[in-house]
């Protein structure tokens, strides 16, 4: 049973590394929105205020960032936040 847990841990680490790499390759304007909303757990309004952009721009950039991440991770089948 320990071997199975080890395999799952390696898979999880590989997925996290792939996600980290894909996020790092996003253009700055998309990466910052994604980080504020998904990693810092800010609302759209809070992210907009922090970044100095409108909530509509946050929504549009977040949608674009997630689309780009899905494309980048498609071959790896890594989960992408929705």
PDB file of N, CA and C in Angstrom:
ATOM      1  N   UNK A   1       0.826  -1.182   0.000  1.00  0.00           N
ATOM      2  CA  UNK A   1       0.000   0.000   0.000  1.00  0.00           C
ATOM      3  C   UNK A   1       0.876   1.255   0.000  1.00  0.00           C
ATOM      4  N   UNK A   2       2.011   1.216   0.609  1.00  0.00           N
ATOM      5  CA  UNK A   2       2.921   2.350   0.656  1.00  0.00           C
ATOM      6  C   UNK A   2       3.400   2.734  -0.744  1.00  0.00           C
ATOM      7  N   UNK A   3       3.654   1.754  -1.593  1.00  0.00           N
ATOM      8  CA  UNK A   3       4.099   2.022  -2.957  1.00  0.00           C
ATOM      9  C   UNK A   3       3.032   2.805  -3.722  1.00  0.00           C
ATOM     10  N   UNK A   4       1.780   2.439  -3.556  1.00  0.00           N
ATOM     11  CA  UNK A   4       0.681   3.145  -4.221  1.00  0.00           C
ATOM     12  C   UNK A   4       0.627   4.593  -3.749  1.00  0.00           C
ATOM     13  N   UNK A   5       0.769   4.820  -2.464  1.00  0.00           N
ATOM     14  CA  UNK A   5       0.781   6.184  -1.935  1.00  0.00           C
ATOM     15  C   UNK A   5       1.956   6.977  -2.497  1.00  0.00           C
ATOM     16  N   UNK A   6       3.116   6.327  -2.609  1.00  0.00           N
ATOM     17  CA  UNK A   6       4.286   6.991  -3.174  1.00  0.00           C
ATOM     18  C   UNK A   6       4.042   7.389  -4.633  1.00  0.00           C
ATOM     19  N   UNK A   7       3.414   6.509  -5.392  1.00  0.00           N
ATOM     20  CA  UNK A   7       3.125   6.788  -6.795  1.00  0.00           C
ATOM     21  C   UNK A   7       2.166   7.970  -6.906  1.00  0.00           C
ATOM     22  N   UNK A   8       1.132   8.001  -6.072  1.00  0.00           N
ATOM     23  CA  UNK A   8       0.179   9.106  -6.083  1.00  0.00           C
ATOM     24  C   UNK A   8       0.860  10.417  -5.703  1.00  0.00           C
ATOM     25  N   UNK A   9       1.780  10.372  -4.762  1.00  0.00           N
ATOM     26  CA  UNK A   9       2.500  11.582  -4.347  1.00  0.00           C
ATOM     27  C   UNK A   9       3.379  12.091  -5.480  1.00  0.00           C
ATOM     28  N   UNK A  10       4.041  11.204  -6.197  1.00  0.00           N
ATOM     29  CA  UNK A  10       4.869  11.609  -7.344  1.00  0.00           C
ATOM     30  C   UNK A  10       3.983  12.222  -8.424  1.00  0.00           C
ATOM     31  N   UNK A  11       2.835  11.600  -8.698  1.00  0.00           N
ATOM     32  CA  UNK A  11       1.896  12.147  -9.690  1.00  0.00           C
ATOM     33  C   UNK A  11       1.435  13.537  -9.282  1.00  0.00           C
ATOM     34  N   UNK A  12       1.119  13.715  -8.011  1.00  0.00           N
ATOM     35  CA  UNK A  12       0.641  15.008  -7.514  1.00  0.00           C
ATOM     36  C   UNK A  12       1.736  16.060  -7.675  1.00  0.00           C
ATOM     37  N   UNK A  13       2.953  15.704  -7.315  1.00  0.00           N
ATOM     38  CA  UNK A  13       4.068  16.652  -7.448  1.00  0.00           C
ATOM     39  C   UNK A  13       4.329  17.003  -8.911  1.00  0.00           C
ATOM     40  N   UNK A  14       4.228  16.005  -9.782  1.00  0.00           N
ATOM     41  CA  UNK A  14       4.425  16.246 -11.211  1.00  0.00           C
ATOM     42  C   UNK A  14       3.348  17.189 -11.737  1.00  0.00           C
ATOM     43  N   UNK A  15       2.100  16.970 -11.329  1.00  0.00           N
ATOM     44  CA  UNK A  15       1.003  17.850 -11.747  1.00  0.00           C
ATOM     45  C   UNK A  15       1.223  19.267 -11.228  1.00  0.00           C
ATOM     46  N   UNK A  16       1.645  19.398  -9.983  1.00  0.00           N
ATOM     47  CA  UNK A  16       1.877  20.726  -9.419  1.00  0.00           C
ATOM     48  C   UNK A  16       3.007  21.437 -10.154  1.00  0.00           C
ATOM     49  N   UNK A  17       4.039  20.692 -10.499  1.00  0.00           N
ATOM     50  CA  UNK A  17       5.150  21.297 -11.234  1.00  0.00           C
ATOM     51  C   UNK A  17       4.698  21.734 -12.622  1.00  0.00           C
ATOM     52  N   UNK A  18       3.883  20.929 -13.275  1.00  0.00           N
ATOM     53  CA  UNK A  18       3.372  21.281 -14.604  1.00  0.00           C
ATOM     54  C   UNK A  18       2.494  22.527 -14.519  1.00  0.00           C
ATOM     55  N   UNK A  19       1.654  22.598 -13.494  1.00  0.00           N
ATOM     56  CA  UNK A  19       0.800  23.773 -13.309  1.00  0.00           C
ATOM     57  C   UNK A  19       1.656  25.010 -13.040  1.00  0.00           C
ATOM     58  N   UNK A  20       2.642  24.860 -12.161  1.00  0.00           N
ATOM     59  CA  UNK A  20       3.526  25.987 -11.841  1.00  0.00           C
ATOM     60  C   UNK A  20       4.242  26.489 -13.095  1.00  0.00           C
ATOM     61  N   UNK A  21       4.729  25.576 -13.906  1.00  0.00           N
ATOM     62  CA  UNK A  21       5.416  25.944 -15.139  1.00  0.00           C
ATOM     63  C   UNK A  21       4.463  26.656 -16.098  1.00  0.00           C
ATOM     64  N   UNK A  22       3.262  26.102 -16.249  1.00  0.00           N
ATOM     65  CA  UNK A  22       2.280  26.698 -17.164  1.00  0.00           C
ATOM     66  C   UNK A  22       1.850  28.086 -16.692  1.00  0.00           C
ATOM     67  N   UNK A  23       1.652  28.253 -15.394  1.00  0.00           N
ATOM     68  CA  UNK A  23       1.288  29.566 -14.852  1.00  0.00           C
ATOM     69  C   UNK A  23       2.430  30.552 -15.108  1.00  0.00           C
ATOM     70  N   UNK A  24       3.651  30.112 -14.899  1.00  0.00           N
ATOM     71  CA  UNK A  24       4.807  30.981 -15.119  1.00  0.00           C
ATOM     72  C   UNK A  24       4.971  31.421 -16.558  1.00  0.00           C
ATOM     73  N   UNK A  25       4.423  30.660 -17.492  1.00  0.00           N
ATOM     74  CA  UNK A  25       4.539  31.001 -18.910  1.00  0.00           C
ATOM     75  C   UNK A  25       3.415  31.912 -19.396  1.00  0.00           C
ATOM     76  N   UNK A  26       2.411  32.134 -18.563  1.00  0.00           N
ATOM     77  CA  UNK A  26       1.330  33.040 -18.947  1.00  0.00           C
ATOM     78  C   UNK A  26       1.860  34.469 -19.048  1.00  0.00           C
ATOM     79  N   UNK A  27       1.278  35.266 -19.938  1.00  0.00           N
ATOM     80  CA  UNK A  27       1.640  36.683 -19.964  1.00  0.00           C
ATOM     81  C   UNK A  27       1.337  37.320 -18.601  1.00  0.00           C
ATOM     82  N   UNK A  28       2.106  38.306 -18.237  1.00  0.00           N
ATOM     83  CA  UNK A  28       1.996  38.943 -16.927  1.00  0.00           C
ATOM     84  C   UNK A  28       0.557  39.381 -16.607  1.00  0.00           C
ATOM     85  N   UNK A  29      -0.124  39.990 -17.568  1.00  0.00           N
ATOM     86  CA  UNK A  29      -1.477  40.500 -17.331  1.00  0.00           C
ATOM     87  C   UNK A  29      -2.460  39.384 -16.994  1.00  0.00           C
ATOM     88  N   UNK A  30      -2.231  38.181 -17.503  1.00  0.00           N
ATOM     89  CA  UNK A  30      -3.095  37.042 -17.189  1.00  0.00           C
ATOM     90  C   UNK A  30      -2.660  36.368 -15.894  1.00  0.00           C
ATOM     91  N   UNK A  31      -1.358  36.229 -15.734  1.00  0.00           N
ATOM     92  CA  UNK A  31      -0.812  35.567 -14.537  1.00  0.00           C
ATOM     93  C   UNK A  31      -1.203  36.304 -13.262  1.00  0.00           C
ATOM     94  N   UNK A  32      -1.132  37.633 -13.274  1.00  0.00           N
ATOM     95  CA  UNK A  32      -1.445  38.386 -12.058  1.00  0.00           C
ATOM     96  C   UNK A  32      -2.901  38.212 -11.649  1.00  0.00           C
ATOM     97  N   UNK A  33      -3.805  38.206 -12.608  1.00  0.00           N
ATOM     98  CA  UNK A  33      -5.227  38.002 -12.293  1.00  0.00           C
ATOM     99  C   UNK A  33      -5.443  36.608 -11.735  1.00  0.00           C
ATOM    100  N   UNK A  34      -4.866  35.614 -12.372  1.00  0.00           N
ATOM    101  CA  UNK A  34      -5.013  34.229 -11.912  1.00  0.00           C
ATOM    102  C   UNK A  34      -4.496  34.073 -10.484  1.00  0.00           C
ATOM    103  N   UNK A  35      -3.352  34.635 -10.203  1.00  0.00           N
ATOM    104  CA  UNK A  35      -2.762  34.538  -8.862  1.00  0.00           C
ATOM    105  C   UNK A  35      -3.651  35.217  -7.830  1.00  0.00           C
ATOM    106  N   UNK A  36      -4.136  36.404  -8.139  1.00  0.00           N
ATOM    107  CA  UNK A  36      -4.982  37.124  -7.173  1.00  0.00           C
ATOM    108  C   UNK A  36      -6.263  36.359  -6.870  1.00  0.00           C
ATOM    109  N   UNK A  37      -6.904  35.806  -7.892  1.00  0.00           N
ATOM    110  CA  UNK A  37      -8.206  35.165  -7.691  1.00  0.00           C
ATOM    111  C   UNK A  37      -8.065  33.740  -7.167  1.00  0.00           C
ATOM    112  N   UNK A  38      -7.210  32.939  -7.782  1.00  0.00           N
ATOM    113  CA  UNK A  38      -7.157  31.518  -7.418  1.00  0.00           C
ATOM    114  C   UNK A  38      -6.136  31.178  -6.328  1.00  0.00           C
ATOM    115  N   UNK A  39      -5.040  31.890  -6.267  1.00  0.00           N
ATOM    116  CA  UNK A  39      -4.021  31.539  -5.285  1.00  0.00           C
ATOM    117  C   UNK A  39      -4.088  32.405  -4.032  1.00  0.00           C
ATOM    118  N   UNK A  40      -4.527  33.636  -4.184  1.00  0.00           N
ATOM    119  CA  UNK A  40      -4.684  34.513  -3.012  1.00  0.00           C
ATOM    120  C   UNK A  40      -6.135  34.574  -2.551  1.00  0.00           C
ATOM    121  N   UNK A  41      -6.996  33.849  -3.253  1.00  0.00           N
ATOM    122  CA  UNK A  41      -8.406  33.684  -2.882  1.00  0.00           C
ATOM    123  C   UNK A  41      -9.138  35.020  -2.739  1.00  0.00           C
ATOM    124  N   UNK A  42      -8.874  35.936  -3.657  1.00  0.00           N
ATOM    125  CA  UNK A  42      -9.570  37.222  -3.641  1.00  0.00           C
ATOM    126  C   UNK A  42     -10.818  37.127  -4.518  1.00  0.00           C
ATOM    127  N   UNK A  43     -11.812  37.920  -4.183  1.00  0.00           N
ATOM    128  CA  UNK A  43     -12.995  38.022  -5.038  1.00  0.00           C
ATOM    129  C   UNK A  43     -12.605  38.786  -6.298  1.00  0.00           C
ATOM    130  N   UNK A  44     -13.483  38.769  -7.284  1.00  0.00           N
ATOM    131  CA  UNK A  44     -13.228  39.525  -8.518  1.00  0.00           C
ATOM    132  C   UNK A  44     -13.080  41.016  -8.195  1.00  0.00           C
ATOM    133  N   UNK A  45     -13.946  41.519  -7.318  1.00  0.00           N
ATOM    134  CA  UNK A  45     -13.900  42.939  -6.951  1.00  0.00           C
ATOM    135  C   UNK A  45     -12.599  43.272  -6.223  1.00  0.00           C
ATOM    136  N   UNK A  46     -12.174  42.390  -5.304  1.00  0.00           N
ATOM    137  CA  UNK A  46     -10.918  42.632  -4.574  1.00  0.00           C
ATOM    138  C   UNK A  46      -9.723  42.602  -5.526  1.00  0.00           C
ATOM    139  N   UNK A  47      -9.704  41.611  -6.428  1.00  0.00           N
ATOM    140  CA  UNK A  47      -8.603  41.515  -7.393  1.00  0.00           C
ATOM    141  C   UNK A  47      -8.573  42.756  -8.276  1.00  0.00           C
ATOM    142  N   UNK A  48      -9.744  43.217  -8.685  1.00  0.00           N
ATOM    143  CA  UNK A  48      -9.815  44.426  -9.520  1.00  0.00           C
ATOM    144  C   UNK A  48      -9.231  45.618  -8.782  1.00  0.00           C
ATOM    145  N   UNK A  49      -9.580  45.764  -7.527  1.00  0.00           N
ATOM    146  CA  UNK A  49      -9.079  46.890  -6.733  1.00  0.00           C
ATOM    147  C   UNK A  49      -7.558  46.807  -6.567  1.00  0.00           C
ATOM    148  N   UNK A  50      -7.065  45.619  -6.217  1.00  0.00           N
ATOM    149  CA  UNK A  50      -5.625  45.425  -6.012  1.00  0.00           C
ATOM    150  C   UNK A  50      -4.845  45.715  -7.304  1.00  0.00           C
ATOM    151  N   UNK A  51      -5.384  45.263  -8.426  1.00  0.00           N
ATOM    152  CA  UNK A  51      -4.671  45.395  -9.700  1.00  0.00           C
ATOM    153  C   UNK A  51      -4.959  46.715 -10.412  1.00  0.00           C
ATOM    154  N   UNK A  52      -5.933  47.456  -9.912  1.00  0.00           N
ATOM    155  CA  UNK A  52      -6.253  48.738 -10.525  1.00  0.00           C
ATOM    156  C   UNK A  52      -6.941  48.608 -11.876  1.00  0.00           C
ATOM    157  N   UNK A  53      -7.747  47.547 -12.027  1.00  0.00           N
ATOM    158  CA  UNK A  53      -8.501  47.328 -13.265  1.00  0.00           C
ATOM    159  C   UNK A  53      -9.958  47.074 -12.903  1.00  0.00           C
ATOM    160  N   UNK A  54     -10.829  47.059 -13.885  1.00  0.00           N
ATOM    161  CA  UNK A  54     -12.246  46.857 -13.614  1.00  0.00           C
ATOM    162  C   UNK A  54     -12.544  45.374 -13.348  1.00  0.00           C
ATOM    163  N   UNK A  55     -13.638  45.096 -12.618  1.00  0.00           N
ATOM    164  CA  UNK A  55     -14.042  43.698 -12.414  1.00  0.00           C
ATOM    165  C   UNK A  55     -14.307  42.973 -13.746  1.00  0.00           C
ATOM    166  N   UNK A  56     -14.836  43.689 -14.728  1.00  0.00           N
ATOM    167  CA  UNK A  56     -15.070  43.069 -16.039  1.00  0.00           C
ATOM    168  C   UNK A  56     -13.746  42.642 -16.683  1.00  0.00           C
ATOM    169  N   UNK A  57     -12.713  43.446 -16.506  1.00  0.00           N
ATOM    170  CA  UNK A  57     -11.390  43.098 -17.040  1.00  0.00           C
ATOM    171  C   UNK A  57     -10.819  41.893 -16.294  1.00  0.00           C
ATOM    172  N   UNK A  58     -11.036  41.840 -14.981  1.00  0.00           N
ATOM    173  CA  UNK A  58     -10.600  40.672 -14.202  1.00  0.00           C
ATOM    174  C   UNK A  58     -11.272  39.415 -14.748  1.00  0.00           C
ATOM    175  N   UNK A  59     -12.590  39.457 -14.950  1.00  0.00           N
ATOM    176  CA  UNK A  59     -13.321  38.292 -15.461  1.00  0.00           C
ATOM    177  C   UNK A  59     -12.785  37.866 -16.830  1.00  0.00           C
ATOM    178  N   UNK A  60     -12.594  38.826 -17.711  1.00  0.00           N
ATOM    179  CA  UNK A  60     -12.116  38.507 -19.059  1.00  0.00           C
ATOM    180  C   UNK A  60     -10.712  37.905 -19.026  1.00  0.00           C
ATOM    181  N   UNK A  61      -9.827  38.508 -18.239  1.00  0.00           N
ATOM    182  CA  UNK A  61      -8.448  37.999 -18.163  1.00  0.00           C
ATOM    183  C   UNK A  61      -8.393  36.641 -17.476  1.00  0.00           C
ATOM    184  N   UNK A  62      -9.219  36.438 -16.463  1.00  0.00           N
ATOM    185  CA  UNK A  62      -9.252  35.147 -15.779  1.00  0.00           C
ATOM    186  C   UNK A  62      -9.736  34.061 -16.728  1.00  0.00           C
ATOM    187  N   UNK A  63     -10.766  34.363 -17.485  1.00  0.00           N
ATOM    188  CA  UNK A  63     -11.280  33.405 -18.469  1.00  0.00           C
ATOM    189  C   UNK A  63     -10.182  33.057 -19.482  1.00  0.00           C
ATOM    190  N   UNK A  64      -9.478  34.075 -19.957  1.00  0.00           N
ATOM    191  CA  UNK A  64      -8.396  33.850 -20.914  1.00  0.00           C
ATOM    192  C   UNK A  64      -7.247  33.057 -20.288  1.00  0.00           C
ATOM    193  N   UNK A  65      -6.890  33.378 -19.052  1.00  0.00           N
ATOM    194  CA  UNK A  65      -5.803  32.667 -18.357  1.00  0.00           C
ATOM    195  C   UNK A  65      -6.143  31.192 -18.191  1.00  0.00           C
ATOM    196  N   UNK A  66      -7.362  30.898 -17.769  1.00  0.00           N
ATOM    197  CA  UNK A  66      -7.758  29.498 -17.576  1.00  0.00           C
ATOM    198  C   UNK A  66      -7.800  28.753 -18.904  1.00  0.00           C
ATOM    199  N   UNK A  67      -8.230  29.437 -19.950  1.00  0.00           N
ATOM    200  CA  UNK A  67      -8.232  28.829 -21.287  1.00  0.00           C
ATOM    201  C   UNK A  67      -6.806  28.467 -21.709  1.00  0.00           C
ATOM    202  N   UNK A  68      -5.885  29.397 -21.505  1.00  0.00           N
ATOM    203  CA  UNK A  68      -4.487  29.159 -21.866  1.00  0.00           C
ATOM    204  C   UNK A  68      -3.880  28.029 -21.018  1.00  0.00           C
ATOM    205  N   UNK A  69      -4.225  27.983 -19.744  1.00  0.00           N
ATOM    206  CA  UNK A  69      -3.722  26.890 -18.892  1.00  0.00           C
ATOM    207  C   UNK A  69      -4.252  25.547 -19.349  1.00  0.00           C
ATOM    208  N   UNK A  70      -5.526  25.503 -19.676  1.00  0.00           N
ATOM    209  CA  UNK A  70      -6.101  24.240 -20.164  1.00  0.00           C
ATOM    210  C   UNK A  70      -5.373  23.765 -21.418  1.00  0.00           C
ATOM    211  N   UNK A  71      -5.095  24.689 -22.334  1.00  0.00           N
ATOM    212  CA  UNK A  71      -4.357  24.317 -23.545  1.00  0.00           C
ATOM    213  C   UNK A  71      -2.964  23.799 -23.188  1.00  0.00           C
ATOM    214  N   UNK A  72      -2.279  24.493 -22.296  1.00  0.00           N
ATOM    215  CA  UNK A  72      -0.906  24.112 -21.942  1.00  0.00           C
ATOM    216  C   UNK A  72      -0.850  22.767 -21.227  1.00  0.00           C
ATOM    217  N   UNK A  73      -1.876  22.475 -20.447  1.00  0.00           N
ATOM    218  CA  UNK A  73      -1.864  21.256 -19.634  1.00  0.00           C
ATOM    219  C   UNK A  73      -2.636  20.105 -20.282  1.00  0.00           C
ATOM    220  N   UNK A  74      -3.206  20.344 -21.417  1.00  0.00           N
ATOM    221  CA  UNK A  74      -4.044  19.342 -22.063  1.00  0.00           C
ATOM    222  C   UNK A  74      -3.340  17.995 -22.209  1.00  0.00           C
ATOM    223  N   UNK A  75      -2.106  18.021 -22.638  1.00  0.00           N
ATOM    224  CA  UNK A  75      -1.363  16.780 -22.848  1.00  0.00           C
ATOM    225  C   UNK A  75      -1.048  16.060 -21.554  1.00  0.00           C
ATOM    226  N   UNK A  76      -1.022  16.787 -20.466  1.00  0.00           N
ATOM    227  CA  UNK A  76      -0.648  16.205 -19.173  1.00  0.00           C
ATOM    228  C   UNK A  76      -1.856  15.721 -18.388  1.00  0.00           C
ATOM    229  N   UNK A  77      -3.045  16.123 -18.808  1.00  0.00           N
ATOM    230  CA  UNK A  77      -4.287  15.800 -18.078  1.00  0.00           C
ATOM    231  C   UNK A  77      -4.244  16.291 -16.640  1.00  0.00           C
ATOM    232  N   UNK A  78      -3.554  17.389 -16.386  1.00  0.00           N
ATOM    233  CA  UNK A  78      -3.508  17.968 -15.036  1.00  0.00           C
ATOM    234  C   UNK A  78      -4.785  18.770 -14.804  1.00  0.00           C
ATOM    235  N   UNK A  79      -5.295  18.768 -13.571  1.00  0.00           N
ATOM    236  CA  UNK A  79      -6.519  19.520 -13.285  1.00  0.00           C
ATOM    237  C   UNK A  79      -6.265  21.020 -13.347  1.00  0.00           C
ATOM    238  N   UNK A  80      -7.262  21.743 -13.851  1.00  0.00           N
ATOM    239  CA  UNK A  80      -7.206  23.201 -13.916  1.00  0.00           C
ATOM    240  C   UNK A  80      -8.410  23.743 -13.183  1.00  0.00           C
ATOM    241  N   UNK A  81      -8.215  24.709 -12.280  1.00  0.00           N
ATOM    242  CA  UNK A  81      -9.365  25.265 -11.564  1.00  0.00           C
ATOM    243  C   UNK A  81     -10.399  25.830 -12.517  1.00  0.00           C
ATOM    244  N   UNK A  82     -11.658  25.669 -12.167  1.00  0.00           N
ATOM    245  CA  UNK A  82     -12.706  26.215 -13.036  1.00  0.00           C
ATOM    246  C   UNK A  82     -13.378  27.401 -12.406  1.00  0.00           C
TER     247      UNK A  82
END
